[in-house]
C-alpha atoms as a PDB file:
ATOM      1  CA  MET A   1    -103.293 171.493  40.365  1.00  0.00           C
ATOM      2  CA  TRP A   2     -99.585 172.700  40.611  1.00  0.00           C
ATOM      3  CA  LEU A   3     -98.956 169.783  42.860  1.00  0.00           C
ATOM      4  CA  GLU A   4     -99.545 167.076  40.579  1.00  0.00           C
ATOM      5  CA  LYS A   5     -96.736 168.304  38.567  1.00  0.00           C
ATOM      6  CA  MET A   6     -94.180 168.532  41.092  1.00  0.00           C
ATOM      7  CA  LYS A   7     -92.638 165.407  40.523  1.00  0.00           C
ATOM      8  CA  PRO A   8     -91.369 163.551  43.720  1.00  0.00           C
ATOM      9  CA  GLU A   9     -87.701 162.151  43.853  1.00  0.00           C
ATOM     10  CA  ILE A  10     -87.758 158.081  44.881  1.00  0.00           C
ATOM     11  CA  HIS A  11     -84.671 155.840  43.509  1.00  0.00           C
ATOM     12  CA  LYS A  12     -85.652 152.961  41.539  1.00  0.00           C
ATOM     13  CA  SER A  13     -84.704 150.782  44.522  1.00  0.00           C
ATOM     14  CA  THR A  14     -87.529 151.998  46.846  1.00  0.00           C
ATOM     15  CA  PHE A  15     -90.455 149.915  47.238  1.00  0.00           C
ATOM     16  CA  VAL A  16     -94.141 151.859  46.899  1.00  0.00           C
ATOM     17  CA  ASP A  17     -97.053 149.927  46.810  1.00  0.00           C
ATOM     18  CA  LYS A  18     -99.952 151.117  44.414  1.00  0.00           C
ATOM     19  CA  SER A  19    -102.310 152.377  46.575  1.00  0.00           C
ATOM     20  CA  ALA A  20     -99.845 154.346  48.295  1.00  0.00           C
ATOM     21  CA  VAL A  21     -99.811 158.260  47.642  1.00  0.00           C
ATOM     22  CA  ILE A  22     -96.878 160.267  47.381  1.00  0.00           C
ATOM     23  CA  LEU A  23     -96.977 164.228  46.433  1.00  0.00           C
ATOM     24  CA  GLY A  24     -95.107 167.313  45.825  1.00  0.00           C
ATOM     25  CA  ASN A  25     -91.291 167.919  47.045  1.00  0.00           C
ATOM     26  CA  VAL A  26     -90.564 164.081  48.659  1.00  0.00           C
ATOM     27  CA  LYS A  27     -87.121 162.763  48.081  1.00  0.00           C
ATOM     28  CA  ILE A  28     -86.859 159.529  48.981  1.00  0.00           C
ATOM     29  CA  GLY A  29     -83.628 157.245  49.751  1.00  0.00           C
ATOM     30  CA  LYS A  30     -82.548 153.702  48.677  1.00  0.00           C
ATOM     31  CA  ASN A  31     -84.261 150.260  49.672  1.00  0.00           C
ATOM     32  CA  CYS A  32     -86.800 151.810  51.427  1.00  0.00           C
ATOM     33  CA  GLY A  33     -90.810 150.287  51.619  1.00  0.00           C
ATOM     34  CA  ILE A  34     -93.621 152.788  51.313  1.00  0.00           C
ATOM     35  CA  TYR A  35     -96.571 150.229  52.378  1.00  0.00           C
ATOM     36  CA  PRO A  36    -100.412 150.321  51.488  1.00  0.00           C
ATOM     37  CA  ASN A  37    -102.443 153.696  51.795  1.00  0.00           C
ATOM     38  CA  ALA A  38     -99.263 155.407  52.853  1.00  0.00           C
ATOM     39  CA  VAL A  39     -99.350 159.136  52.363  1.00  0.00           C
ATOM     40  CA  ILE A  40     -96.926 161.661  51.855  1.00  0.00           C
ATOM     41  CA  ARG A  41     -97.689 165.241  51.094  1.00  0.00           C
ATOM     42  CA  GLY A  42     -94.663 167.566  50.372  1.00  0.00           C
ATOM     43  CA  ASP A  43     -96.459 170.235  49.543  1.00  0.00           C
ATOM     44  CA  GLU A  44     -96.228 173.575  51.951  1.00  0.00           C
ATOM     45  CA  ASN A  45     -92.474 172.731  52.393  1.00  0.00           C
ATOM     46  CA  SER A  46     -89.924 169.553  51.414  1.00  0.00           C
ATOM     47  CA  ILE A  47     -90.036 165.289  53.043  1.00  0.00           C
ATOM     48  CA  GLU A  48     -86.741 164.144  52.839  1.00  0.00           C
ATOM     49  CA  ILE A  49     -86.316 159.841  53.949  1.00  0.00           C
ATOM     50  CA  GLY A  50     -83.142 158.310  54.104  1.00  0.00           C
ATOM     51  CA  ASP A  51     -81.976 155.203  52.816  1.00  0.00           C
ATOM     52  CA  GLU A  52     -83.373 151.703  53.906  1.00  0.00           C
ATOM     53  CA  SER A  53     -86.415 153.679  56.079  1.00  0.00           C
ATOM     54  CA  ASN A  54     -89.799 151.920  55.841  1.00  0.00           C
ATOM     55  CA  ILE A  55     -93.059 153.805  55.814  1.00  0.00           C
ATOM     56  CA  GLN A  56     -95.643 151.467  57.007  1.00  0.00           C
ATOM     57  CA  ASP A  57     -99.662 150.786  56.398  1.00  0.00           C
ATOM     58  CA  CYS A  58    -101.890 154.158  56.500  1.00  0.00           C
ATOM     59  CA  CYS A  59     -99.203 156.382  57.699  1.00  0.00           C
ATOM     60  CA  VAL A  60     -99.409 159.873  56.895  1.00  0.00           C
ATOM     61  CA  ILE A  61     -96.475 162.191  56.651  1.00  0.00           C
ATOM     62  CA  HIS A  62     -96.759 165.805  56.352  1.00  0.00           C
ATOM     63  CA  CYS A  63     -94.825 169.565  56.035  1.00  0.00           C
ATOM     64  CA  ASP A  64     -95.319 173.137  57.306  1.00  0.00           C
ATOM     65  CA  GLN A  65     -94.865 176.060  56.174  1.00  0.00           C
ATOM     66  CA  ASP A  66     -92.282 176.571  58.683  1.00  0.00           C
ATOM     67  CA  TYR A  67     -91.190 172.727  59.550  1.00  0.00           C
ATOM     68  CA  SER A  68     -89.683 170.401  56.808  1.00  0.00           C
ATOM     69  CA  VAL A  69     -89.527 166.599  57.367  1.00  0.00           C
ATOM     70  CA  LYS A  70     -86.533 164.731  57.586  1.00  0.00           C
ATOM     71  CA  ILE A  71     -86.538 161.279  58.274  1.00  0.00           C
ATOM     72  CA  GLY A  72     -82.875 159.285  58.790  1.00  0.00           C
ATOM     73  CA  ASN A  73     -81.612 156.031  57.760  1.00  0.00           C
ATOM     74  CA  LYS A  74     -83.022 152.912  58.837  1.00  0.00           C
ATOM     75  CA  VAL A  75     -86.256 153.983  60.566  1.00  0.00           C
ATOM     76  CA  THR A  76     -89.027 152.091  60.809  1.00  0.00           C
ATOM     77  CA  ILE A  77     -92.579 155.064  61.014  1.00  0.00           C
ATOM     78  CA  GLY A  78     -95.520 151.984  62.401  1.00  0.00           C
ATOM     79  CA  HIS A  79     -98.970 151.517  61.205  1.00  0.00           C
ATOM     80  CA  CYS A  80    -101.017 154.794  61.025  1.00  0.00           C
ATOM     81  CA  ALA A  81     -98.194 156.607  62.394  1.00  0.00           C
ATOM     82  CA  MET A  82     -98.647 160.525  61.940  1.00  0.00           C
ATOM     83  CA  ILE A  83     -95.266 162.927  61.293  1.00  0.00           C
ATOM     84  CA  HIS A  84     -96.190 166.636  61.175  1.00  0.00           C
ATOM     85  CA  GLY A  85     -92.854 168.778  60.453  1.00  0.00           C
ATOM     86  CA  ALA A  86     -91.197 166.814  62.154  1.00  0.00           C
ATOM     87  CA  THR A  87     -87.157 165.292  62.914  1.00  0.00           C
ATOM     88  CA  ILE A  88     -86.459 161.833  63.373  1.00  0.00           C
ATOM     89  CA  GLU A  89     -82.989 160.904  63.059  1.00  0.00           C
ATOM     90  CA  ASP A  90     -80.997 157.328  61.968  1.00  0.00           C
ATOM     91  CA  ASP A  91     -82.040 154.082  63.710  1.00  0.00           C
ATOM     92  CA  CYS A  92     -85.559 155.045  65.248  1.00  0.00           C
ATOM     93  CA  LEU A  93     -88.724 153.211  65.637  1.00  0.00           C
ATOM     94  CA  ILE A  94     -91.996 155.101  65.145  1.00  0.00           C
ATOM     95  CA  GLY A  95     -94.861 152.672  67.360  1.00  0.00           C
ATOM     96  CA  ILE A  96     -98.140 152.334  65.699  1.00  0.00           C
ATOM     97  CA  HIS A  97    -100.445 155.302  65.688  1.00  0.00           C
ATOM     98  CA  THR A  98     -97.655 157.676  67.083  1.00  0.00           C
ATOM     99  CA  THR A  99     -98.004 161.556  66.355  1.00  0.00           C
ATOM    100  CA  VAL A 100     -95.136 163.713  66.349  1.00  0.00           C
ATOM    101  CA  LEU A 101     -95.509 167.083  65.700  1.00  0.00           C
ATOM    102  CA  ASN A 102     -94.530 170.294  64.035  1.00  0.00           C
ATOM    103  CA  GLY A 103     -90.989 171.189  65.261  1.00  0.00           C
ATOM    104  CA  ALA A 104     -90.406 167.750  67.613  1.00  0.00           C
ATOM    105  CA  LYS A 105     -86.671 165.588  67.116  1.00  0.00           C
ATOM    106  CA  ILE A 106     -86.185 162.014  67.835  1.00  0.00           C
ATOM    107  CA  GLY A 107     -82.567 161.837  68.199  1.00  0.00           C
ATOM    108  CA  LYS A 108     -80.903 158.950  66.501  1.00  0.00           C
ATOM    109  CA  GLY A 109     -81.417 155.309  68.105  1.00  0.00           C
ATOM    110  CA  SER A 110     -84.669 155.952  70.351  1.00  0.00           C
ATOM    111  CA  ILE A 111     -87.598 153.972  70.216  1.00  0.00           C
ATOM    112  CA  VAL A 112     -91.238 155.702  70.507  1.00  0.00           C
ATOM    113  CA  GLY A 113     -93.996 153.623  71.837  1.00  0.00           C
ATOM    114  CA  ALA A 114     -97.641 152.970  70.324  1.00  0.00           C
ATOM    115  CA  ASN A 115    -100.370 155.821  70.419  1.00  0.00           C
ATOM    116  CA  ALA A 116     -97.568 158.432  71.809  1.00  0.00           C
ATOM    117  CA  LEU A 117     -97.996 162.083  71.439  1.00  0.00           C
ATOM    118  CA  VAL A 118     -95.022 163.671  70.856  1.00  0.00           C
ATOM    119  CA  THR A 119     -95.577 167.432  71.307  1.00  0.00           C
ATOM    120  CA  ALA A 120     -94.593 170.594  69.132  1.00  0.00           C
ATOM    121  CA  GLY A 121     -91.039 171.348  69.405  1.00  0.00           C
ATOM    122  CA  MET A 122     -90.169 168.515  72.202  1.00  0.00           C
ATOM    123  CA  GLN A 123     -86.598 167.194  71.925  1.00  0.00           C
ATOM    124  CA  VAL A 124     -85.802 163.477  72.557  1.00  0.00           C
ATOM    125  CA  PRO A 125     -81.754 162.553  73.204  1.00  0.00           C
ATOM    126  CA  GLU A 126     -80.723 160.303  71.350  1.00  0.00           C
ATOM    127  CA  ASN A 127     -81.232 156.098  72.844  1.00  0.00           C
ATOM    128  CA  SER A 128     -84.105 157.754  73.981  1.00  0.00           C
ATOM    129  CA  LEU A 129     -87.438 155.504  75.217  1.00  0.00           C
ATOM    130  CA  VAL A 130     -90.471 157.336  74.431  1.00  0.00           C
ATOM    131  CA  ILE A 131     -94.396 156.838  76.014  1.00  0.00           C
ATOM    132  CA  GLY A 132     -97.440 158.095  77.008  1.00  0.00           C
ATOM    133  CA  ILE A 133     -99.837 161.151  76.309  1.00  0.00           C
ATOM    134  CA  PRO A 134     -98.127 163.398  76.157  1.00  0.00           C
ATOM    135  CA  GLY A 135     -94.675 161.730  75.739  1.00  0.00           C
ATOM    136  CA  GLU A 136     -92.254 161.104  78.152  1.00  0.00           C
ATOM    137  CA  ILE A 137     -88.653 159.849  78.265  1.00  0.00           C
ATOM    138  CA  ILE A 138     -88.597 156.956  80.413  1.00  0.00           C
ATOM    139  CA  LYS A 139     -85.147 155.204  79.969  1.00  0.00           C
ATOM    140  CA  GLN A 140     -82.720 156.170  77.882  1.00  0.00           C
ATOM    141  CA  ASN A 141     -80.145 153.202  76.352  1.00  0.00           C
ATOM    142  CA  GLU A 142     -77.798 152.351  73.684  1.00  0.00           C
ATOM    143  CA  SER A 143     -79.213 148.728  72.625  1.00  0.00           C
ATOM    144  CA  PHE A 144     -82.579 150.530  71.645  1.00  0.00           C
ATOM    145  CA  LYS A 145     -80.309 150.927  68.538  1.00  0.00           C
ATOM    146  CA  GLY A 146     -79.965 148.012  67.258  1.00  0.00           C
ATOM    147  CA  LYS A 147     -83.494 147.006  67.685  1.00  0.00           C
ATOM    148  CA  ALA A 148     -84.780 149.758  66.177  1.00  0.00           C
ATOM    149  CA  ARG A 149     -81.720 149.278  63.178  1.00  0.00           C
ATOM    150  CA  LYS A 150     -83.130 145.406  63.416  1.00  0.00           C
ATOM    151  CA  ASN A 151     -86.843 146.220  62.748  1.00  0.00           C
ATOM    152  CA  ALA A 152     -85.652 148.421  59.669  1.00  0.00           C
ATOM    153  CA  MET A 153     -83.464 146.123  58.090  1.00  0.00           C
ATOM    154  CA  ALA A 154     -85.606 143.368  58.284  1.00  0.00           C
ATOM    155  CA  ALA A 155     -88.470 145.944  56.391  1.00  0.00           C
ATOM    156  CA  ALA A 156     -86.266 146.664  53.992  1.00  0.00           C
ATOM    157  CA  GLU A 157     -85.253 143.348  52.854  1.00  0.00           C
ATOM    158  CA  LYS A 158     -88.988 142.591  52.393  1.00  0.00           C
ATOM    159  CA  GLY A 159     -89.617 145.518  50.753  1.00  0.00           C
ATOM    160  CA  THR A 160     -86.561 144.590  47.864  1.00  0.00           C
ATOM    161  CA  SER A 161     -87.784 141.040  47.256  1.00  0.00           C
ATOM    162  CA  VAL A 162     -91.201 141.531  46.725  1.00  0.00           C
ATOM    163  CA  LYS A 163     -93.184 141.117  43.505  1.00  0.00           C
ATOM    164  CA  ILE A 164     -96.079 141.550  42.190  1.00  0.00           C
ATOM    165  CA  THR A 165     -98.047 138.489  42.121  1.00  0.00           C
ATOM    166  CA  ILE A 166    -101.963 138.588  40.451  1.00  0.00           C
ATOM    167  CA  LEU A 167    -103.866 135.803  41.947  1.00  0.00           C
ATOM    168  CA  ARG A 168    -106.168 134.251  39.878  1.00  0.00           C
ATOM    169  CA  GLN A 169    -109.282 131.851  40.528  1.00  0.00           C
ATOM    170  CA  PRO A 170    -107.835 128.131  39.726  1.00  0.00           C
ATOM    171  CA  LYS A 171    -109.372 126.279  36.553  1.00  0.00           C
ATOM    172  CA  SER A 172    -111.742 128.743  36.094  1.00  0.00           C
ATOM    173  CA  LYS A 173    -111.919 132.250  34.339  1.00  0.00           C
ATOM    174  CA  PRO A 174    -112.471 135.403  37.801  1.00  0.00           C
ATOM    175  CA  THR A 175    -115.633 135.972  38.384  1.00  0.00           C
ATOM    176  CA  ARG A 176    -117.212 139.754  38.719  1.00  0.00           C
ATOM    177  CA  TRP A 177    -119.712 140.126  41.655  1.00  0.00           C
ATOM    178  CA  VAL A 178    -122.717 142.416  40.809  1.00  0.00           C
ATOM    179  CA  GLU A 179    -124.735 143.660  43.993  1.00  0.00           C
ATOM    180  CA  PRO A 180    -128.217 142.507  44.118  1.00  0.00           C
ATOM    181  CA  ILE A 181    -131.147 144.650  42.111  1.00  0.00           C
ATOM    182  CA  LYS A 182    -132.279 147.273  44.430  1.00  0.00           C
ATOM    183  CA  GLY A 183    -136.012 146.472  46.622  1.00  0.00           C
ATOM    184  CA  THR A 184    -134.893 142.768  46.535  1.00  0.00           C
ATOM    185  CA  ASN A 185    -134.857 140.256  49.531  1.00  0.00           C
ATOM    186  CA  VAL A 186    -133.439 137.232  47.409  1.00  0.00           C
ATOM    187  CA  ARG A 187    -131.439 134.555  49.709  1.00  0.00           C
ATOM    188  CA  THR A 188    -127.980 134.057  48.036  1.00  0.00           C
ATOM    189  CA  THR A 189    -126.266 130.752  48.568  1.00  0.00           C
ATOM    190  CA  PRO A 190    -122.365 132.196  49.101  1.00  0.00           C
ATOM    191  CA  LYS A 191    -119.072 129.896  48.011  1.00  0.00           C
ATOM    192  CA  VAL A 192    -115.783 130.649  48.443  1.00  0.00           C
ATOM    193  CA  TYR A 193    -112.517 129.993  46.107  1.00  0.00           C
ATOM    194  CA  ALA A 194    -108.947 130.499  47.190  1.00  0.00           C
ATOM    195  CA  ASN A 195    -106.871 132.631  44.782  1.00  0.00           C
ATOM    196  CA  ALA A 196    -109.546 134.461  43.555  1.00  0.00           C
ATOM    197  CA  ILE A 197    -108.844 138.188  42.000  1.00  0.00           C
ATOM    198  CA  PRO A 198    -111.117 140.237  43.748  1.00  0.00           C
ATOM    199  CA  MET A 199    -113.174 142.528  41.397  1.00  0.00           C
ATOM    200  CA  THR A 200    -115.853 144.569  43.349  1.00  0.00           C
ATOM    201  CA  PRO A 201    -115.451 148.312  41.866  1.00  0.00           C
ATOM    202  CA  HIS A 202    -113.363 149.485  44.722  1.00  0.00           C
ATOM    203  CA  SER A 203    -110.358 146.788  44.712  1.00  0.00           C
ATOM    204  CA  SER A 204    -106.912 146.503  43.022  1.00  0.00           C
ATOM    205  CA  ILE A 205    -104.084 144.180  42.272  1.00  0.00           C
ATOM    206  CA  ASN A 206    -101.205 144.845  45.199  1.00  0.00           C
ATOM    207  CA  SER A 207     -98.473 143.088  46.062  1.00  0.00           C
ATOM    208  CA  ALA A 208     -99.310 139.833  48.028  1.00  0.00           C
ATOM    209  CA  TYR A 209     -97.763 138.056  50.168  1.00  0.00           C
ATOM    210  CA  SER A 210    -100.457 135.468  51.350  1.00  0.00           C
ATOM    211  CA  THR A 211    -102.934 133.751  49.720  1.00  0.00           C
ATOM    212  CA  ARG A 212    -106.256 135.625  49.494  1.00  0.00           C
ATOM    213  CA  ARG A 213    -109.921 134.375  49.969  1.00  0.00           C
ATOM    214  CA  LEU A 214    -112.761 136.146  48.565  1.00  0.00           C
ATOM    215  CA  VAL A 215    -116.631 135.280  48.834  1.00  0.00           C
ATOM    216  CA  ILE A 216    -118.725 135.466  45.804  1.00  0.00           C
ATOM    217  CA  VAL A 217    -122.011 135.218  45.710  1.00  0.00           C
ATOM    218  CA  THR A 218    -123.563 132.656  42.857  1.00  0.00           C
ATOM    219  CA  ARG A 219    -126.653 133.026  41.298  1.00  0.00           C
ATOM    220  CA  PRO A 220    -129.717 132.746  43.709  1.00  0.00           C
ATOM    221  CA  ARG A 221    -132.798 130.996  43.096  1.00  0.00           C
ATOM    222  CA  ARG A 222    -134.414 133.173  41.290  1.00  0.00           C
ATOM    223  CA  ASN A 223    -132.840 135.585  38.961  1.00  0.00           C
ATOM    224  CA  THR A 224    -132.502 138.540  40.432  1.00  0.00           C
ATOM    225  CA  CYS A 225    -129.141 138.852  41.029  1.00  0.00           C
ATOM    226  CA  ARG A 226    -126.590 138.832  37.754  1.00  0.00           C
ATOM    227  CA  TYR A 227    -123.205 137.042  37.432  1.00  0.00           C
ATOM    228  CA  MET A 228    -120.959 137.182  35.201  1.00  0.00           C
ATOM    229  CA  PRO A 229    -117.807 135.982  34.325  1.00  0.00           C
ATOM    230  CA  THR A 230    -115.190 138.685  33.066  1.00  0.00           C
ATOM    231  CA  ALA A 231    -113.696 138.355  29.508  1.00  0.00           C
END
């Protein structure tokens, strides 16, 4: 696919989670953080993300034929936000589940509240607070810039300090869980292990911030559920 042949430009200091998807004409600056399940797709136009910005879990950033995406320095894009063909200037905070549509521009030092809808072509002045559906500017204050920058800097520090940690079941081999044979209805006794590796078919080992707990189903009363250690 032609899109996969376009190699994004990502600075070596930027943290990108293994589950994030970055495709096409994308440029990401220094000390950024791209967190789990974020999707950044620059197929129809370009996407630029400045230094020390962070794209939180499950965000979607996409461009349009007539609208590129430009995200400035020290910007936080909150969890599950959608940025489509918009410009977000420096020191902004975009709240959780916010949608920013084609041609919209968020001025420097602004905050967009959670679940807000910034409609196509909306121009938000600097140091503004936007909330609601559709989004409305309810306040302007220069202090918003400091709040947004502090949030972005904290995320940037976290991103640069992340180390990929493999969690292992203590004092024993990790265990692979195989689902019970279809058509059976057998009681099983679950056990919980701390620091275990998730070995289900769809799992992956990502950056670890805390101890994981994994429920592993052990051998039932009858031999109808297979249970085996990994190599």
